Amino acid sequence: ANGLGIEALKREYRVLSDSVHHLLK
């Protein structure tokens, strides 16, 4: 998932990655 996020960033997409627990907290 992280690697796919980095690929998206390289293509200038906006990405937010977090654990569900941390994001909701």
PDB file of all heavy atoms in Angstrom:
ATOM      1  N   ALA A   1       0.840  -1.203   0.000  1.00  0.00           N
ATOM      2  CA  ALA A   1       0.000   0.000   0.000  1.00  0.00           C
ATOM      3  C   ALA A   1       0.871   1.247   0.000  1.00  0.00           C
ATOM      4  O   ALA A   1       0.622   2.199  -0.754  1.00  0.00           O
ATOM      5  CB  ALA A   1      -0.941  -0.008   1.199  1.00  0.00           C
ATOM      6  N   ASN A   2       1.901   1.255   0.823  1.00  0.00           N
ATOM      7  CA  ASN A   2       2.822   2.386   0.903  1.00  0.00           C
ATOM      8  C   ASN A   2       3.538   2.583  -0.432  1.00  0.00           C
ATOM      9  O   ASN A   2       3.669   3.701  -0.925  1.00  0.00           O
ATOM     10  CB  ASN A   2       3.840   2.155   2.020  1.00  0.00           C
ATOM     11  CG  ASN A   2       4.633   3.396   2.337  1.00  0.00           C
ATOM     12  OD1 ASN A   2       4.233   4.182   3.174  1.00  0.00           O
ATOM     13  ND2 ASN A   2       5.762   3.585   1.668  1.00  0.00           N
ATOM     14  N   GLY A   3       3.995   1.487  -1.023  1.00  0.00           N
ATOM     15  CA  GLY A   3       4.680   1.564  -2.311  1.00  0.00           C
ATOM     16  C   GLY A   3       3.777   2.124  -3.400  1.00  0.00           C
ATOM     17  O   GLY A   3       4.204   2.930  -4.233  1.00  0.00           O
ATOM     18  N   LEU A   4       2.512   1.726  -3.392  1.00  0.00           N
ATOM     19  CA  LEU A   4       1.561   2.272  -4.357  1.00  0.00           C
ATOM     20  C   LEU A   4       1.310   3.759  -4.094  1.00  0.00           C
ATOM     21  O   LEU A   4       1.134   4.542  -5.027  1.00  0.00           O
ATOM     22  CB  LEU A   4       0.249   1.483  -4.324  1.00  0.00           C
ATOM     23  CG  LEU A   4       0.340   0.052  -4.868  1.00  0.00           C
ATOM     24  CD1 LEU A   4      -0.946  -0.712  -4.577  1.00  0.00           C
ATOM     25  CD2 LEU A   4       0.656   0.048  -6.361  1.00  0.00           C
ATOM     26  N   GLY A   5       1.319   4.132  -2.824  1.00  0.00           N
ATOM     27  CA  GLY A   5       1.195   5.547  -2.473  1.00  0.00           C
ATOM     28  C   GLY A   5       2.359   6.365  -3.014  1.00  0.00           C
ATOM     29  O   GLY A   5       2.164   7.462  -3.545  1.00  0.00           O
ATOM     30  N   ILE A   6       3.564   5.832  -2.907  1.00  0.00           N
ATOM     31  CA  ILE A   6       4.746   6.531  -3.416  1.00  0.00           C
ATOM     32  C   ILE A   6       4.678   6.656  -4.939  1.00  0.00           C
ATOM     33  O   ILE A   6       5.015   7.701  -5.510  1.00  0.00           O
ATOM     34  CB  ILE A   6       6.039   5.839  -2.948  1.00  0.00           C
ATOM     35  CG1 ILE A   6       6.199   6.059  -1.443  1.00  0.00           C
ATOM     36  CG2 ILE A   6       7.255   6.360  -3.711  1.00  0.00           C
ATOM     37  CD1 ILE A   6       7.347   5.323  -0.802  1.00  0.00           C
ATOM     38  N   GLU A   7       4.208   5.602  -5.604  1.00  0.00           N
ATOM     39  CA  GLU A   7       4.041   5.676  -7.065  1.00  0.00           C
ATOM     40  C   GLU A   7       3.043   6.771  -7.430  1.00  0.00           C
ATOM     41  O   GLU A   7       3.234   7.491  -8.409  1.00  0.00           O
ATOM     42  CB  GLU A   7       3.602   4.322  -7.623  1.00  0.00           C
ATOM     43  CG  GLU A   7       4.673   3.251  -7.554  1.00  0.00           C
ATOM     44  CD  GLU A   7       5.954   3.618  -8.284  1.00  0.00           C
ATOM     45  OE1 GLU A   7       5.880   4.118  -9.425  1.00  0.00           O
ATOM     46  OE2 GLU A   7       7.042   3.403  -7.709  1.00  0.00           O
ATOM     47  N   ALA A   8       1.981   6.897  -6.655  1.00  0.00           N
ATOM     48  CA  ALA A   8       0.992   7.957  -6.902  1.00  0.00           C
ATOM     49  C   ALA A   8       1.617   9.340  -6.685  1.00  0.00           C
ATOM     50  O   ALA A   8       1.375  10.261  -7.471  1.00  0.00           O
ATOM     51  CB  ALA A   8      -0.217   7.762  -5.994  1.00  0.00           C
ATOM     52  N   LEU A   9       2.425   9.478  -5.643  1.00  0.00           N
ATOM     53  CA  LEU A   9       3.101  10.754  -5.395  1.00  0.00           C
ATOM     54  C   LEU A   9       4.031  11.116  -6.549  1.00  0.00           C
ATOM     55  O   LEU A   9       4.112  12.280  -6.942  1.00  0.00           O
ATOM     56  CB  LEU A   9       3.899  10.684  -4.089  1.00  0.00           C
ATOM     57  CG  LEU A   9       3.079  10.707  -2.804  1.00  0.00           C
ATOM     58  CD1 LEU A   9       3.937  10.295  -1.614  1.00  0.00           C
ATOM     59  CD2 LEU A   9       2.462  12.075  -2.581  1.00  0.00           C
ATOM     60  N   LYS A  10       4.726  10.135  -7.098  1.00  0.00           N
ATOM     61  CA  LYS A  10       5.627  10.387  -8.229  1.00  0.00           C
ATOM     62  C   LYS A  10       4.862  10.920  -9.431  1.00  0.00           C
ATOM     63  O   LYS A  10       5.409  11.646 -10.249  1.00  0.00           O
ATOM     64  CB  LYS A  10       6.356   9.106  -8.625  1.00  0.00           C
ATOM     65  CG  LYS A  10       7.420   8.669  -7.652  1.00  0.00           C
ATOM     66  CD  LYS A  10       8.034   7.367  -8.117  1.00  0.00           C
ATOM     67  CE  LYS A  10       9.045   6.832  -7.146  1.00  0.00           C
ATOM     68  NZ  LYS A  10       9.567   5.507  -7.577  1.00  0.00           N
ATOM     69  N   ARG A  11       3.595  10.542  -9.530  1.00  0.00           N
ATOM     70  CA  ARG A  11       2.754  11.001 -10.634  1.00  0.00           C
ATOM     71  C   ARG A  11       1.947  12.240 -10.243  1.00  0.00           C
ATOM     72  O   ARG A  11       0.994  12.604 -10.908  1.00  0.00           O
ATOM     73  CB  ARG A  11       1.837   9.870 -11.075  1.00  0.00           C
ATOM     74  CG  ARG A  11       2.609   8.791 -11.824  1.00  0.00           C
ATOM     75  CD  ARG A  11       1.863   7.477 -11.882  1.00  0.00           C
ATOM     76  NE  ARG A  11       2.605   6.465 -12.605  1.00  0.00           N
ATOM     77  CZ  ARG A  11       3.633   5.778 -12.128  1.00  0.00           C
ATOM     78  NH1 ARG A  11       4.067   6.002 -10.899  1.00  0.00           N
ATOM     79  NH2 ARG A  11       4.260   4.877 -12.860  1.00  0.00           N
ATOM     80  N   GLU A  12       2.349  12.849  -9.134  1.00  0.00           N
ATOM     81  CA  GLU A  12       1.792  14.107  -8.643  1.00  0.00           C
ATOM     82  C   GLU A  12       0.337  14.018  -8.204  1.00  0.00           C
ATOM     83  O   GLU A  12      -0.412  14.998  -8.257  1.00  0.00           O
ATOM     84  CB  GLU A  12       2.009  15.237  -9.652  1.00  0.00           C
ATOM     85  CG  GLU A  12       3.496  15.473  -9.893  1.00  0.00           C
ATOM     86  CD  GLU A  12       3.802  16.736 -10.661  1.00  0.00           C
ATOM     87  OE1 GLU A  12       2.889  17.555 -10.878  1.00  0.00           O
ATOM     88  OE2 GLU A  12       4.975  16.904 -11.014  1.00  0.00           O
ATOM     89  N   TYR A  13      -0.067  12.832  -7.734  1.00  0.00           N
ATOM     90  CA  TYR A  13      -1.367  12.703  -7.083  1.00  0.00           C
ATOM     91  C   TYR A  13      -1.193  13.083  -5.622  1.00  0.00           C
ATOM     92  O   TYR A  13      -0.124  12.899  -5.038  1.00  0.00           O
ATOM     93  CB  TYR A  13      -1.887  11.261  -7.175  1.00  0.00           C
ATOM     94  CG  TYR A  13      -2.353  10.867  -8.552  1.00  0.00           C
ATOM     95  CD1 TYR A  13      -1.636   9.957  -9.308  1.00  0.00           C
ATOM     96  CD2 TYR A  13      -3.519  11.395  -9.086  1.00  0.00           C
ATOM     97  CE1 TYR A  13      -2.065   9.588 -10.577  1.00  0.00           C
ATOM     98  CE2 TYR A  13      -3.958  11.032 -10.343  1.00  0.00           C
ATOM     99  CZ  TYR A  13      -3.227  10.125 -11.086  1.00  0.00           C
ATOM    100  OH  TYR A  13      -3.663   9.768 -12.323  1.00  0.00           O
ATOM    101  N   ARG A  14      -2.260  13.589  -5.017  1.00  0.00           N
ATOM    102  CA  ARG A  14      -2.245  13.902  -3.588  1.00  0.00           C
ATOM    103  C   ARG A  14      -2.578  12.628  -2.824  1.00  0.00           C
ATOM    104  O   ARG A  14      -3.568  11.956  -3.124  1.00  0.00           O
ATOM    105  CB  ARG A  14      -3.260  14.992  -3.269  1.00  0.00           C
ATOM    106  CG  ARG A  14      -2.926  16.331  -3.920  1.00  0.00           C
ATOM    107  CD  ARG A  14      -4.094  17.270  -3.903  1.00  0.00           C
ATOM    108  NE  ARG A  14      -5.182  16.634  -4.659  1.00  0.00           N
ATOM    109  CZ  ARG A  14      -6.453  16.990  -4.580  1.00  0.00           C
ATOM    110  NH1 ARG A  14      -6.834  17.952  -3.783  1.00  0.00           N
ATOM    111  NH2 ARG A  14      -7.374  16.380  -5.289  1.00  0.00           N
ATOM    112  N   VAL A  15      -1.753  12.308  -1.825  1.00  0.00           N
ATOM    113  CA  VAL A  15      -1.886  11.051  -1.079  1.00  0.00           C
ATOM    114  C   VAL A  15      -1.888  11.337   0.413  1.00  0.00           C
ATOM    115  O   VAL A  15      -1.147  12.201   0.891  1.00  0.00           O
ATOM    116  CB  VAL A  15      -0.717  10.092  -1.429  1.00  0.00           C
ATOM    117  CG1 VAL A  15      -0.796   8.805  -0.615  1.00  0.00           C
ATOM    118  CG2 VAL A  15      -0.685   9.786  -2.919  1.00  0.00           C
ATOM    119  N   LEU A  16      -2.723  10.593   1.135  1.00  0.00           N
ATOM    120  CA  LEU A  16      -2.714  10.622   2.593  1.00  0.00           C
ATOM    121  C   LEU A  16      -2.726   9.180   3.064  1.00  0.00           C
ATOM    122  O   LEU A  16      -3.586   8.400   2.666  1.00  0.00           O
ATOM    123  CB  LEU A  16      -3.932  11.365   3.142  1.00  0.00           C
ATOM    124  CG  LEU A  16      -4.059  11.425   4.675  1.00  0.00           C
ATOM    125  CD1 LEU A  16      -2.869  12.156   5.289  1.00  0.00           C
ATOM    126  CD2 LEU A  16      -5.363  12.101   5.067  1.00  0.00           C
ATOM    127  N   SER A  17      -1.746   8.822   3.884  1.00  0.00           N
ATOM    128  CA  SER A  17      -1.625   7.463   4.388  1.00  0.00           C
ATOM    129  C   SER A  17      -1.558   7.486   5.905  1.00  0.00           C
ATOM    130  O   SER A  17      -0.780   8.239   6.494  1.00  0.00           O
ATOM    131  CB  SER A  17      -0.348   6.812   3.824  1.00  0.00           C
ATOM    132  OG  SER A  17      -0.197   5.511   4.334  1.00  0.00           O
ATOM    133  N   ASP A  18      -2.401   6.645   6.531  1.00  0.00           N
ATOM    134  CA  ASP A  18      -2.412   6.587   7.991  1.00  0.00           C
ATOM    135  C   ASP A  18      -3.108   5.298   8.414  1.00  0.00           C
ATOM    136  O   ASP A  18      -3.866   4.710   7.631  1.00  0.00           O
ATOM    137  CB  ASP A  18      -3.157   7.792   8.565  1.00  0.00           C
ATOM    138  CG  ASP A  18      -2.702   8.179   9.955  1.00  0.00           C
ATOM    139  OD1 ASP A  18      -1.989   7.386  10.608  1.00  0.00           O
ATOM    140  OD2 ASP A  18      -3.073   9.282  10.412  1.00  0.00           O
ATOM    141  N   SER A  19      -2.882   4.893   9.651  1.00  0.00           N
ATOM    142  CA  SER A  19      -3.643   3.759  10.177  1.00  0.00           C
ATOM    143  C   SER A  19      -5.064   4.253  10.442  1.00  0.00           C
ATOM    144  O   SER A  19      -5.279   5.429  10.738  1.00  0.00           O
ATOM    145  CB  SER A  19      -3.014   3.218  11.459  1.00  0.00           C
ATOM    146  OG  SER A  19      -3.218   4.128  12.521  1.00  0.00           O
ATOM    147  N   VAL A  20      -6.020   3.353  10.326  1.00  0.00           N
ATOM    148  CA  VAL A  20      -7.422   3.726  10.551  1.00  0.00           C
ATOM    149  C   VAL A  20      -7.582   4.312  11.947  1.00  0.00           C
ATOM    150  O   VAL A  20      -8.200   5.364  12.126  1.00  0.00           O
ATOM    151  CB  VAL A  20      -8.351   2.499  10.354  1.00  0.00           C
ATOM    152  CG1 VAL A  20      -9.768   2.813  10.788  1.00  0.00           C
ATOM    153  CG2 VAL A  20      -8.325   2.047   8.906  1.00  0.00           C
ATOM    154  N   HIS A  21      -6.998   3.634  12.935  1.00  0.00           N
ATOM    155  CA  HIS A  21      -7.124   4.072  14.326  1.00  0.00           C
ATOM    156  C   HIS A  21      -6.585   5.493  14.501  1.00  0.00           C
ATOM    157  O   HIS A  21      -7.236   6.357  15.104  1.00  0.00           O
ATOM    158  CB  HIS A  21      -6.387   3.087  15.235  1.00  0.00           C
ATOM    159  CG  HIS A  21      -6.367   3.492  16.668  1.00  0.00           C
ATOM    160  ND1 HIS A  21      -7.476   3.425  17.472  1.00  0.00           N
ATOM    161  CD2 HIS A  21      -5.357   3.990  17.443  1.00  0.00           C
ATOM    162  CE1 HIS A  21      -7.159   3.859  18.682  1.00  0.00           C
ATOM    163  NE2 HIS A  21      -5.884   4.205  18.688  1.00  0.00           N
ATOM    164  N   HIS A  22      -5.384   5.753  13.963  1.00  0.00           N
ATOM    165  CA  HIS A  22      -4.742   7.057  14.130  1.00  0.00           C
ATOM    166  C   HIS A  22      -5.505   8.143  13.374  1.00  0.00           C
ATOM    167  O   HIS A  22      -5.719   9.247  13.895  1.00  0.00           O
ATOM    168  CB  HIS A  22      -3.290   6.976  13.656  1.00  0.00           C
ATOM    169  CG  HIS A  22      -2.468   8.152  14.027  1.00  0.00           C
ATOM    170  ND1 HIS A  22      -2.073   9.087  13.104  1.00  0.00           N
ATOM    171  CD2 HIS A  22      -1.980   8.565  15.228  1.00  0.00           C
ATOM    172  CE1 HIS A  22      -1.373  10.018  13.707  1.00  0.00           C
ATOM    173  NE2 HIS A  22      -1.297   9.729  14.997  1.00  0.00           N
ATOM    174  N   LEU A  23      -5.931   7.857  12.170  1.00  0.00           N
ATOM    175  CA  LEU A  23      -6.669   8.829  11.374  1.00  0.00           C
ATOM    176  C   LEU A  23      -7.964   9.242  12.071  1.00  0.00           C
ATOM    177  O   LEU A  23      -8.276  10.428  12.181  1.00  0.00           O
ATOM    178  CB  LEU A  23      -6.983   8.253   9.992  1.00  0.00           C
ATOM    179  CG  LEU A  23      -7.746   9.200   9.072  1.00  0.00           C
ATOM    180  CD1 LEU A  23      -6.782   9.950   8.171  1.00  0.00           C
ATOM    181  CD2 LEU A  23      -8.734   8.425   8.223  1.00  0.00           C
ATOM    182  N   LEU A  24      -8.708   8.252  12.564  1.00  0.00           N
ATOM    183  CA  LEU A  24      -9.985   8.551  13.222  1.00  0.00           C
ATOM    184  C   LEU A  24      -9.777   9.239  14.566  1.00  0.00           C
ATOM    185  O   LEU A  24     -10.572  10.105  14.957  1.00  0.00           O
ATOM    186  CB  LEU A  24     -10.811   7.275  13.371  1.00  0.00           C
ATOM    187  CG  LEU A  24     -11.258   6.647  12.042  1.00  0.00           C
ATOM    188  CD1 LEU A  24     -11.912   5.301  12.284  1.00  0.00           C
ATOM    189  CD2 LEU A  24     -12.156   7.582  11.262  1.00  0.00           C
ATOM    190  N   LYS A  25      -8.704   8.870  15.253  1.00  0.00           N
ATOM    191  CA  LYS A  25      -8.385   9.536  16.525  1.00  0.00           C
ATOM    192  C   LYS A  25      -8.068  11.012  16.281  1.00  0.00           C
ATOM    193  O   LYS A  25      -8.552  11.892  17.002  1.00  0.00           O
ATOM    194  CB  LYS A  25      -7.195   8.825  17.182  1.00  0.00           C
ATOM    195  CG  LYS A  25      -6.857   9.319  18.572  1.00  0.00           C
ATOM    196  CD  LYS A  25      -5.793   8.450  19.196  1.00  0.00           C
ATOM    197  CE  LYS A  25      -4.542   9.260  19.315  1.00  0.00           C
ATOM    198  NZ  LYS A  25      -3.393   8.545  19.849  1.00  0.00           N
TER     199      LYS A  25
END
